Structures are given as C-alpha cells and as structure tokens.
C-alpha cells in the first residue's frame, strides 16, 4: 500500500470509529501539520477533533481515545496525534487567536465537518486576520498581527 493511501485509510477509519462512538456529537475531523505541508513516512498525523458534549475529565478522555488512536496507528504503521475540542473551545480559540489555529491556517484538510462548523470558524479567523493585514513570516515561523502588538 502506498504511503499516502495508508494515511488516507488511517484518517478515514479513525473518522468512522469516531462517528460510531459519538454519532451526531462528532462535529469535525481536520488534518493539519506536516502531513499536509510536507508529507513524510516518519511524521505523525495531526488531527483536530471537534466533539459536542465532550468531557473535560482527562482520564475519561484518555480511556476513550488512546485505544482508538493506538489501534489505527498499529494497523497502518502511522502515528496519530489528535487534539480534542468542543465547538465552544474552537470558538474561544478563534477569538483569542490561539497558536494552534494560527498554525492550522497554514495548511489543513477537512476530513469531516458536520454543518461546516470548522470551515465557518476558520474562515472567520482568516477574514479577521485579513482585515488587520496580519502576515505570516515563514523564516521566523511567526505571525505578525498588528492588533496583538505589545505596547510599552
């Protein structure tokens, strides 16, 4: 099986298992990071998973997700690195311009997005950054956002 095919199958199966586990509460599955920017066999698959009514208890989260991540990783020979958010967490992160979401802007692929929740939020962030003439500076790997400039 070709490398990209393995990645796509792993993401698809992970998404399907999340749908089986969470049903209508699964909101979004978004691939980001190095597998989007510059795919390599030795790089993990970064996923943003958005789920309604997600518990904040880290032990319960670990119990629900670590086995699923491990099973997919072993089956396809790839490492899954997922972060889990509620829709409210996403909205807050967009509002405060969380570094994770600024990084996602640099490259992502939507694997699942019920009612376009992720796309609406990421588009809102893009539009706000455009209005402010924010720019990404690749050689320094930082965003310049005029409204967030520190003032003395």
Protein backbone atom coordinates (compact mmCIF):
# COMPACT_ATOMS: atom_id res chain seq x y z
CA UNK A 1 0.00 0.00 0.00
CA UNK A 2 1.38 3.40 -0.96
CA UNK A 3 2.26 5.83 1.80
CA UNK A 4 -0.44 8.46 1.04
CA UNK A 5 -3.02 5.71 0.67
CA UNK A 6 -2.09 4.43 4.16
CA UNK A 7 -2.51 7.93 5.58
CA UNK A 8 -5.89 8.41 3.90
CA UNK A 9 -7.14 5.00 5.04
CA UNK A 10 -5.98 5.63 8.62
CA UNK A 11 -7.75 9.00 8.72
CA UNK A 12 -10.90 7.52 7.18
CA UNK A 13 -11.04 4.62 9.62
CA UNK A 14 -10.36 6.90 12.59
CA UNK A 15 -13.17 9.22 11.45
CA UNK A 16 -15.52 6.25 11.04
CA UNK A 17 -14.70 4.98 14.53
CA UNK A 18 -15.32 8.44 15.97
CA UNK A 19 -18.68 8.56 14.18
CA UNK A 20 -19.51 5.13 15.62
CA UNK A 21 -18.58 6.27 19.11
CA UNK A 22 -20.01 9.79 19.09
CA UNK A 23 -22.61 9.80 16.31
CA UNK A 24 -24.25 13.21 15.90
CA UNK A 25 -21.95 14.70 18.54
CA UNK A 26 -18.96 14.42 16.18
CA UNK A 27 -18.62 17.84 14.60
CA UNK A 28 -15.28 17.98 12.75
CA UNK A 29 -12.18 16.00 11.88
CA UNK A 30 -9.40 18.16 10.45
CA UNK A 31 -5.94 17.06 9.32
CA UNK A 32 -3.18 19.64 9.77
CA UNK A 33 0.55 19.88 10.32
CA UNK A 34 3.39 18.22 8.45
CA UNK A 35 1.26 15.57 6.70
CA UNK A 36 -0.45 18.45 4.90
CA UNK A 37 2.54 20.74 4.41
CA UNK A 38 5.21 18.17 3.53
CA UNK A 39 4.09 14.53 3.91
CA UNK A 40 6.74 12.11 5.20
CA UNK A 41 6.54 8.50 6.27
CA UNK A 42 8.12 9.24 9.66
CA UNK A 43 5.80 12.12 10.57
CA UNK A 44 2.68 11.74 12.68
CA UNK A 45 -0.85 12.55 11.54
CA UNK A 46 -2.04 15.65 13.38
CA UNK A 47 -5.81 15.74 13.80
CA UNK A 48 -8.17 18.30 15.29
CA UNK A 49 -11.28 16.50 16.52
CA UNK A 50 -14.31 18.60 17.49
CA UNK A 51 -17.00 16.86 19.56
CA UNK A 52 -20.12 18.27 21.22
CA UNK A 53 -20.62 17.46 24.91
CA UNK A 54 -17.01 16.32 25.33
CA UNK A 55 -15.96 15.57 28.89
CA UNK A 56 -13.23 17.67 30.48
CA UNK A 57 -12.01 14.72 32.59
CA UNK A 58 -8.61 13.82 31.13
CA UNK A 59 -8.80 10.24 32.47
CA UNK A 60 -12.07 9.59 30.69
CA UNK A 61 -10.71 11.23 27.54
CA UNK A 62 -7.59 9.06 27.69
CA UNK A 63 -9.69 5.91 28.15
CA UNK A 64 -11.96 6.77 25.22
CA UNK A 65 -9.34 7.85 22.70
CA UNK A 66 -5.94 6.28 23.40
CA UNK A 67 -7.02 2.76 22.42
CA UNK A 68 -8.62 4.02 19.22
CA UNK A 69 -5.51 6.01 18.30
CA UNK A 70 -3.26 3.05 19.14
CA UNK A 71 -5.30 0.54 17.12
CA UNK A 72 -5.22 2.72 13.99
CA UNK A 73 -1.52 3.51 14.45
CA UNK A 74 -0.58 -0.19 14.67
CA UNK A 75 -2.85 -1.26 11.80
CA UNK A 76 -1.48 1.32 9.35
CA UNK A 77 2.02 1.87 10.68
CA UNK A 78 1.44 5.58 11.26
CA UNK A 79 1.25 7.65 14.41
CA UNK A 80 -1.93 9.58 15.19
CA UNK A 81 -1.63 12.70 17.28
CA UNK A 82 -5.09 14.10 17.96
CA UNK A 83 -6.29 17.09 19.94
CA UNK A 84 -9.88 17.16 21.14
CA UNK A 85 -12.02 20.28 21.37
CA UNK A 86 -15.66 21.17 21.89
CA UNK A 87 -17.29 23.62 19.46
CA UNK A 88 -17.14 26.20 22.25
CA UNK A 89 -13.39 25.58 22.65
CA UNK A 90 -12.95 26.19 18.92
CA UNK A 91 -14.91 29.46 19.04
CA UNK A 92 -12.87 30.64 22.04
CA UNK A 93 -9.58 29.64 20.39
CA UNK A 94 -10.51 31.55 17.25
CA UNK A 95 -11.48 34.61 19.29
CA UNK A 96 -8.17 34.69 21.20
CA UNK A 97 -6.16 33.63 18.14
CA UNK A 98 -4.76 30.52 19.68
CA UNK A 99 -1.42 29.42 18.20
CA UNK A 100 -2.80 26.02 17.22
CA UNK A 101 -5.42 27.60 14.97
CA UNK A 102 -2.94 30.08 13.52
CA UNK A 103 -0.82 27.06 12.62
CA UNK A 104 -3.79 25.21 11.14
CA UNK A 105 -4.35 28.18 8.84
CA UNK A 106 -1.02 27.37 7.18
CA UNK A 107 -2.38 24.10 5.86
CA UNK A 108 -5.26 21.79 6.62
CA UNK A 109 -7.65 19.31 5.05
CA UNK A 110 -11.15 18.75 6.33
CA UNK A 111 -11.96 15.04 6.62
CA UNK A 112 -15.40 15.63 8.18
CA UNK A 113 -17.28 18.82 9.02
CA UNK A 114 -20.91 18.49 10.03
CA UNK A 115 -22.78 21.67 9.11
CA UNK A 116 -19.47 23.33 8.12
CA UNK A 117 -18.72 24.30 11.74
CA UNK A 118 -14.94 24.18 11.34
CA UNK A 119 -14.96 25.92 7.94
CA UNK A 120 -17.13 28.76 9.29
CA UNK A 121 -14.82 29.30 12.27
CA UNK A 122 -11.56 29.10 10.33
CA UNK A 123 -12.98 31.43 7.66
CA UNK A 124 -13.91 33.89 10.39
CA UNK A 125 -10.31 33.81 11.64
CA UNK A 126 -8.93 34.26 8.09
CA UNK A 127 -11.24 37.24 7.49
CA UNK A 128 -10.28 38.91 10.78
CA UNK A 129 -6.58 38.46 10.05
CA UNK A 130 -7.04 39.83 6.52
CA UNK A 131 -8.82 42.94 7.87
CA UNK A 132 -5.91 43.56 10.20
CA UNK A 133 -3.30 42.97 7.48
CA UNK A 134 -1.79 40.15 9.52
CA UNK A 135 1.03 38.27 7.84
CA UNK A 136 2.88 35.05 8.41
CA UNK A 137 6.67 35.39 8.41
CA UNK A 138 7.94 31.97 7.25
CA UNK A 139 11.65 32.36 8.01
CA UNK A 140 10.81 33.25 11.64
CA UNK A 141 7.75 30.94 11.80
CA UNK A 142 5.64 33.63 13.44
CA UNK A 143 2.54 35.65 12.68
CA UNK A 144 2.68 39.42 12.71
CA UNK A 145 -0.74 40.61 13.89
CA UNK A 146 -0.83 44.39 14.33
CA UNK A 147 -3.68 44.38 16.88
CA UNK A 148 -1.71 42.00 19.12
CA UNK A 149 1.43 44.11 19.11
CA UNK A 150 2.84 44.68 22.57
CA UNK A 151 2.87 48.30 23.57
CA UNK A 152 5.29 49.90 26.02
